[in-house]
Amino acid sequence: MKKIIAVVALLFAFSISANAQEKKVTVKEVAAKETITPEIAGKNDAKALSDLVKLDEKEFQIFSDLFQTKHRILAEQGLSQERKTELARVIDAKIRATLSADRMDTLDKNPDLLKKLVN
């Protein structure tokens, strides 16, 4: 009888410690992951660029569409590293082709923002 009680006690002890190691996802974490859509992320990137180099409304819309497309592609499952690298190269080329030289110099002086916009 003592052995049965000891086995049951150990069983409960191990099951409680196993439950303690499971990660619990909060509602806020789930909501935060679901609220960032490619459209919102693209507009946020365009806004960050506009804050630095002062884009007009037409340019803002062009860059917003470009960054929305970037985020849609990056959200795809199974995207290879080669395709991500090519996407970054294309985005960088489009930014450089659209902005004037002085605006591009301003952006080049902020490498963190440029990296965020391209990658």
N, C-alpha and C. Protein backbone atom coordinates (compact mmCIF):
# COMPACT_ATOMS: atom_id res chain seq x y z
N MET A 1 0.82 -1.20 0.00
CA MET A 1 0.00 0.00 0.00
C MET A 1 0.86 1.26 0.00
N LYS A 2 1.94 1.24 0.80
CA LYS A 2 2.82 2.40 0.86
C LYS A 2 3.48 2.65 -0.50
N LYS A 3 3.79 1.58 -1.20
CA LYS A 3 4.43 1.71 -2.52
C LYS A 3 3.46 2.34 -3.53
N ILE A 4 2.21 1.97 -3.46
CA ILE A 4 1.20 2.52 -4.37
C ILE A 4 1.03 4.02 -4.12
N ILE A 5 0.97 4.40 -2.85
CA ILE A 5 0.84 5.82 -2.51
C ILE A 5 2.08 6.59 -2.97
N ALA A 6 3.27 6.00 -2.82
CA ALA A 6 4.51 6.65 -3.26
C ALA A 6 4.53 6.81 -4.78
N VAL A 7 4.07 5.80 -5.50
CA VAL A 7 4.04 5.87 -6.97
C VAL A 7 3.05 6.94 -7.43
N VAL A 8 1.90 7.00 -6.81
CA VAL A 8 0.90 8.01 -7.17
C VAL A 8 1.43 9.41 -6.86
N ALA A 9 2.11 9.57 -5.74
CA ALA A 9 2.68 10.87 -5.37
C ALA A 9 3.74 11.29 -6.38
N LEU A 10 4.59 10.36 -6.78
CA LEU A 10 5.60 10.67 -7.80
C LEU A 10 4.96 11.00 -9.14
N LEU A 11 3.91 10.28 -9.49
CA LEU A 11 3.21 10.54 -10.74
C LEU A 11 2.66 11.96 -10.78
N PHE A 12 2.03 12.36 -9.68
CA PHE A 12 1.51 13.73 -9.61
C PHE A 12 2.63 14.77 -9.61
N ALA A 13 3.73 14.47 -8.95
CA ALA A 13 4.85 15.41 -8.89
C ALA A 13 5.44 15.64 -10.28
N PHE A 14 5.61 14.58 -11.06
CA PHE A 14 6.16 14.74 -12.40
C PHE A 14 5.18 15.40 -13.36
N SER A 15 3.91 15.12 -13.21
CA SER A 15 2.93 15.75 -14.11
C SER A 15 2.80 17.25 -13.82
N ILE A 16 2.92 17.65 -12.57
CA ILE A 16 2.88 19.07 -12.23
C ILE A 16 4.10 19.79 -12.77
N SER A 17 5.28 19.18 -12.64
CA SER A 17 6.49 19.84 -13.14
C SER A 17 6.49 19.89 -14.67
N ALA A 18 5.89 18.93 -15.33
CA ALA A 18 5.80 18.95 -16.79
C ALA A 18 4.88 20.07 -17.25
N ASN A 19 3.80 20.32 -16.53
CA ASN A 19 2.89 21.41 -16.88
C ASN A 19 3.52 22.77 -16.66
N ALA A 20 4.39 22.87 -15.71
CA ALA A 20 5.03 24.15 -15.42
C ALA A 20 5.95 24.58 -16.55
N GLN A 21 6.40 23.65 -17.37
CA GLN A 21 7.33 23.98 -18.44
C GLN A 21 6.64 24.35 -19.75
N GLU A 22 5.35 24.15 -19.83
CA GLU A 22 4.63 24.52 -21.05
C GLU A 22 4.50 26.03 -21.12
N LYS A 23 4.75 26.59 -22.31
CA LYS A 23 4.64 28.04 -22.49
C LYS A 23 3.18 28.40 -22.69
N LYS A 24 2.73 29.38 -21.95
CA LYS A 24 1.37 29.84 -22.08
C LYS A 24 1.37 31.11 -22.93
N VAL A 25 0.59 31.10 -23.98
CA VAL A 25 0.48 32.24 -24.87
C VAL A 25 -0.68 33.10 -24.39
N THR A 26 -0.38 34.38 -24.18
CA THR A 26 -1.43 35.28 -23.71
C THR A 26 -2.25 35.80 -24.88
N VAL A 27 -3.40 36.32 -24.59
CA VAL A 27 -4.28 36.88 -25.61
C VAL A 27 -3.62 38.08 -26.27
N LYS A 28 -2.89 38.87 -25.49
CA LYS A 28 -2.23 40.06 -26.04
C LYS A 28 -1.18 39.67 -27.08
N GLU A 29 -0.41 38.60 -26.83
CA GLU A 29 0.60 38.16 -27.79
C GLU A 29 -0.04 37.71 -29.10
N VAL A 30 -1.13 36.98 -29.01
CA VAL A 30 -1.83 36.52 -30.20
C VAL A 30 -2.40 37.70 -30.97
N ALA A 31 -2.99 38.66 -30.26
CA ALA A 31 -3.57 39.83 -30.92
C ALA A 31 -2.48 40.68 -31.57
N ALA A 32 -1.33 40.80 -30.93
CA ALA A 32 -0.24 41.60 -31.48
C ALA A 32 0.28 40.99 -32.78
N LYS A 33 0.35 39.67 -32.83
CA LYS A 33 0.84 39.01 -34.04
C LYS A 33 -0.15 39.14 -35.19
N GLU A 34 -1.43 39.13 -34.88
CA GLU A 34 -2.45 39.16 -35.93
C GLU A 34 -2.74 40.57 -36.44
N THR A 35 -2.42 41.62 -35.70
CA THR A 35 -2.81 42.95 -36.12
C THR A 35 -1.84 43.58 -37.12
N ILE A 36 -0.63 43.08 -37.21
CA ILE A 36 0.33 43.65 -38.15
C ILE A 36 0.15 42.98 -39.51
N THR A 37 -0.60 43.63 -40.37
CA THR A 37 -0.81 43.12 -41.72
C THR A 37 0.24 43.73 -42.66
N PRO A 38 0.42 43.15 -43.83
CA PRO A 38 1.36 43.75 -44.79
C PRO A 38 1.00 45.20 -45.15
N GLU A 39 -0.29 45.51 -45.18
CA GLU A 39 -0.72 46.87 -45.51
C GLU A 39 -0.28 47.86 -44.42
N ILE A 40 -0.48 47.48 -43.18
CA ILE A 40 -0.08 48.35 -42.07
C ILE A 40 1.44 48.48 -42.02
N ALA A 41 2.14 47.36 -42.17
CA ALA A 41 3.60 47.39 -42.14
C ALA A 41 4.16 48.23 -43.28
N GLY A 42 3.55 48.12 -44.47
CA GLY A 42 4.00 48.90 -45.62
C GLY A 42 3.80 50.39 -45.40
N LYS A 43 2.66 50.76 -44.84
CA LYS A 43 2.41 52.18 -44.56
C LYS A 43 3.34 52.70 -43.47
N ASN A 44 3.65 51.86 -42.49
CA ASN A 44 4.59 52.27 -41.44
C ASN A 44 5.98 52.51 -42.01
N ASP A 45 6.42 51.63 -42.93
CA ASP A 45 7.72 51.83 -43.58
C ASP A 45 7.73 53.11 -44.41
N ALA A 46 6.65 53.34 -45.16
CA ALA A 46 6.57 54.56 -45.97
C ALA A 46 6.55 55.80 -45.08
N LYS A 47 5.88 55.72 -43.96
CA LYS A 47 5.84 56.85 -43.02
C LYS A 47 7.23 57.12 -42.44
N ALA A 48 7.96 56.06 -42.11
CA ALA A 48 9.32 56.24 -41.58
C ALA A 48 10.22 56.89 -42.63
N LEU A 49 10.08 56.49 -43.88
CA LEU A 49 10.85 57.10 -44.96
C LEU A 49 10.43 58.54 -45.17
N SER A 50 9.13 58.80 -45.13
CA SER A 50 8.61 60.15 -45.32
C SER A 50 9.06 61.09 -44.20
N ASP A 51 9.15 60.59 -42.98
CA ASP A 51 9.62 61.41 -41.87
C ASP A 51 11.06 61.86 -42.08
N LEU A 52 11.85 61.03 -42.75
CA LEU A 52 13.25 61.36 -42.96
C LEU A 52 13.47 62.24 -44.19
N VAL A 53 12.84 61.91 -45.31
CA VAL A 53 13.14 62.62 -46.57
C VAL A 53 11.98 63.44 -47.11
N LYS A 54 10.89 63.58 -46.38
CA LYS A 54 9.75 64.42 -46.76
C LYS A 54 9.20 64.08 -48.14
N LEU A 55 8.40 63.03 -48.18
CA LEU A 55 7.77 62.61 -49.43
C LEU A 55 6.46 63.36 -49.64
N ASP A 56 6.12 63.65 -50.91
CA ASP A 56 4.80 64.21 -51.17
C ASP A 56 3.78 63.06 -51.21
N GLU A 57 2.53 63.37 -51.41
CA GLU A 57 1.46 62.37 -51.32
C GLU A 57 1.61 61.26 -52.37
N LYS A 58 1.97 61.63 -53.59
CA LYS A 58 2.13 60.64 -54.66
C LYS A 58 3.30 59.70 -54.36
N GLU A 59 4.42 60.27 -53.94
CA GLU A 59 5.58 59.44 -53.60
C GLU A 59 5.28 58.54 -52.40
N PHE A 60 4.54 59.09 -51.43
CA PHE A 60 4.17 58.29 -50.26
C PHE A 60 3.36 57.08 -50.70
N GLN A 61 2.42 57.27 -51.61
CA GLN A 61 1.59 56.16 -52.08
C GLN A 61 2.42 55.13 -52.84
N ILE A 62 3.37 55.61 -53.66
CA ILE A 62 4.25 54.70 -54.42
C ILE A 62 5.06 53.83 -53.46
N PHE A 63 5.68 54.47 -52.47
CA PHE A 63 6.49 53.71 -51.52
C PHE A 63 5.64 52.82 -50.62
N SER A 64 4.46 53.28 -50.28
CA SER A 64 3.56 52.46 -49.47
C SER A 64 3.20 51.17 -50.22
N ASP A 65 2.87 51.30 -51.50
CA ASP A 65 2.56 50.12 -52.32
C ASP A 65 3.77 49.19 -52.44
N LEU A 66 4.95 49.78 -52.62
CA LEU A 66 6.18 49.00 -52.74
C LEU A 66 6.44 48.20 -51.46
N PHE A 67 6.32 48.85 -50.31
CA PHE A 67 6.60 48.18 -49.04
C PHE A 67 5.50 47.19 -48.67
N GLN A 68 4.26 47.46 -49.09
CA GLN A 68 3.20 46.49 -48.85
C GLN A 68 3.47 45.21 -49.63
N THR A 69 3.90 45.36 -50.87
CA THR A 69 4.25 44.20 -51.68
C THR A 69 5.41 43.43 -51.05
N LYS A 70 6.39 44.17 -50.56
CA LYS A 70 7.54 43.53 -49.90
C LYS A 70 7.08 42.70 -48.71
N HIS A 71 6.22 43.26 -47.88
CA HIS A 71 5.77 42.54 -46.69
C HIS A 71 4.88 41.35 -47.05
N ARG A 72 4.09 41.47 -48.12
CA ARG A 72 3.29 40.33 -48.56
C ARG A 72 4.18 39.18 -49.00
N ILE A 73 5.23 39.49 -49.75
CA ILE A 73 6.15 38.45 -50.22
C ILE A 73 6.90 37.84 -49.05
N LEU A 74 7.35 38.67 -48.11
CA LEU A 74 8.09 38.14 -46.96
C LEU A 74 7.20 37.30 -46.04
N ALA A 75 5.89 37.50 -46.09
CA ALA A 75 4.97 36.74 -45.24
C ALA A 75 4.70 35.35 -45.80
N GLU A 76 5.10 35.08 -47.03
CA GLU A 76 4.87 33.77 -47.64
C GLU A 76 5.68 32.71 -46.90
N GLN A 77 5.09 31.53 -46.81
CA GLN A 77 5.78 30.41 -46.16
C GLN A 77 6.77 29.77 -47.14
N GLY A 78 7.88 29.30 -46.62
CA GLY A 78 8.85 28.59 -47.44
C GLY A 78 9.67 29.47 -48.36
N LEU A 79 9.85 30.72 -48.01
CA LEU A 79 10.62 31.65 -48.83
C LEU A 79 12.11 31.38 -48.63
N SER A 80 12.83 31.12 -49.72
CA SER A 80 14.25 30.79 -49.61
C SER A 80 15.08 32.04 -49.33
N GLN A 81 16.26 31.82 -48.79
CA GLN A 81 17.15 32.94 -48.48
C GLN A 81 17.58 33.65 -49.77
N GLU A 82 17.73 32.89 -50.85
CA GLU A 82 18.10 33.48 -52.14
C GLU A 82 17.03 34.45 -52.63
N ARG A 83 15.78 34.06 -52.46
CA ARG A 83 14.68 34.93 -52.89
C ARG A 83 14.59 36.18 -52.01
N LYS A 84 14.84 36.03 -50.71
CA LYS A 84 14.84 37.19 -49.81
C LYS A 84 15.96 38.16 -50.19
N THR A 85 17.12 37.63 -50.52
CA THR A 85 18.25 38.47 -50.93
C THR A 85 17.93 39.22 -52.22
N GLU A 86 17.33 38.53 -53.16
CA GLU A 86 16.95 39.16 -54.43
C GLU A 86 15.89 40.23 -54.21
N LEU A 87 14.93 39.96 -53.34
CA LEU A 87 13.90 40.94 -53.02
C LEU A 87 14.53 42.19 -52.40
N ALA A 88 15.48 42.02 -51.50
CA ALA A 88 16.16 43.16 -50.87
C ALA A 88 16.91 43.98 -51.92
N ARG A 89 17.54 43.30 -52.87
CA ARG A 89 18.27 44.00 -53.93
C ARG A 89 17.32 44.82 -54.80
N VAL A 90 16.17 44.24 -55.14
CA VAL A 90 15.19 44.93 -55.99
C VAL A 90 14.59 46.14 -55.26
N ILE A 91 14.25 45.96 -53.98
CA ILE A 91 13.68 47.07 -53.20
C ILE A 91 14.69 48.21 -53.11
N ASP A 92 15.96 47.86 -52.85
CA ASP A 92 17.00 48.88 -52.76
C ASP A 92 17.14 49.63 -54.09
N ALA A 93 17.10 48.90 -55.20
CA ALA A 93 17.22 49.54 -56.51
C ALA A 93 16.03 50.46 -56.80
N LYS A 94 14.84 50.05 -56.40
CA LYS A 94 13.66 50.89 -56.63
C LYS A 94 13.69 52.15 -55.78
N ILE A 95 14.16 52.02 -54.55
CA ILE A 95 14.28 53.21 -53.69
C ILE A 95 15.28 54.18 -54.29
N ARG A 96 16.43 53.66 -54.71
CA ARG A 96 17.49 54.52 -55.28
C ARG A 96 17.05 55.16 -56.60
N ALA A 97 16.24 54.45 -57.38
CA ALA A 97 15.78 55.01 -58.66
C ALA A 97 14.71 56.08 -58.45
N THR A 98 13.95 55.98 -57.39
CA THR A 98 12.84 56.91 -57.17
C THR A 98 13.28 58.19 -56.47
N LEU A 99 14.17 58.07 -55.50
CA LEU A 99 14.60 59.25 -54.74
C LEU A 99 15.68 60.02 -55.48
N SER A 100 15.69 61.34 -55.27
CA SER A 100 16.75 62.16 -55.85
C SER A 100 18.05 61.91 -55.10
N ALA A 101 19.16 62.41 -55.67
CA ALA A 101 20.48 62.15 -55.10
C ALA A 101 20.63 62.71 -53.68
N ASP A 102 20.13 63.93 -53.46
CA ASP A 102 20.27 64.51 -52.11
C ASP A 102 19.41 63.77 -51.09
N ARG A 103 18.22 63.33 -51.50
CA ARG A 103 17.38 62.55 -50.59
C ARG A 103 18.01 61.19 -50.31
N MET A 104 18.65 60.61 -51.34
CA MET A 104 19.30 59.31 -51.15
C MET A 104 20.49 59.45 -50.22
N ASP A 105 21.21 60.57 -50.32
CA ASP A 105 22.33 60.81 -49.39
C ASP A 105 21.83 60.88 -47.95
N THR A 106 20.69 61.54 -47.76
CA THR A 106 20.09 61.62 -46.43
C THR A 106 19.73 60.22 -45.92
N LEU A 107 19.18 59.39 -46.78
CA LEU A 107 18.82 58.03 -46.39
C LEU A 107 20.06 57.18 -46.14
N ASP A 108 21.10 57.36 -46.95
CA ASP A 108 22.35 56.62 -46.76
C ASP A 108 23.01 56.95 -45.43
N LYS A 109 22.77 58.15 -44.93
CA LYS A 109 23.34 58.55 -43.64
C LYS A 109 22.60 57.89 -42.47
N ASN A 110 21.49 57.26 -42.75
CA ASN A 110 20.72 56.56 -41.73
C ASN A 110 20.65 55.07 -42.12
N PRO A 111 21.74 54.33 -41.92
CA PRO A 111 21.78 52.94 -42.38
C PRO A 111 20.78 52.01 -41.68
N ASP A 112 20.41 52.33 -40.44
CA ASP A 112 19.43 51.49 -39.75
C ASP A 112 18.08 51.53 -40.44
N LEU A 113 17.65 52.72 -40.82
CA LEU A 113 16.37 52.86 -41.52
C LEU A 113 16.45 52.20 -42.90
N LEU A 114 17.54 52.41 -43.60
CA LEU A 114 17.70 51.82 -44.93
C LEU A 114 17.63 50.30 -44.83
N LYS A 115 18.29 49.73 -43.85
CA LYS A 115 18.27 48.28 -43.68
C LYS A 115 16.86 47.80 -43.36
N LYS A 116 16.14 48.55 -42.52
CA LYS A 116 14.76 48.17 -42.18
C LYS A 116 13.86 48.23 -43.42
N LEU A 117 14.04 49.25 -44.25
CA LEU A 117 13.21 49.40 -45.44
C LEU A 117 13.52 48.32 -46.49
N VAL A 118 14.77 47.98 -46.63
CA VAL A 118 15.18 47.03 -47.66
C VAL A 118 14.90 45.58 -47.24
N ASN A 119 15.16 45.27 -45.99
CA ASN A 119 14.98 43.88 -45.52
C ASN A 119 13.67 43.78 -44.90
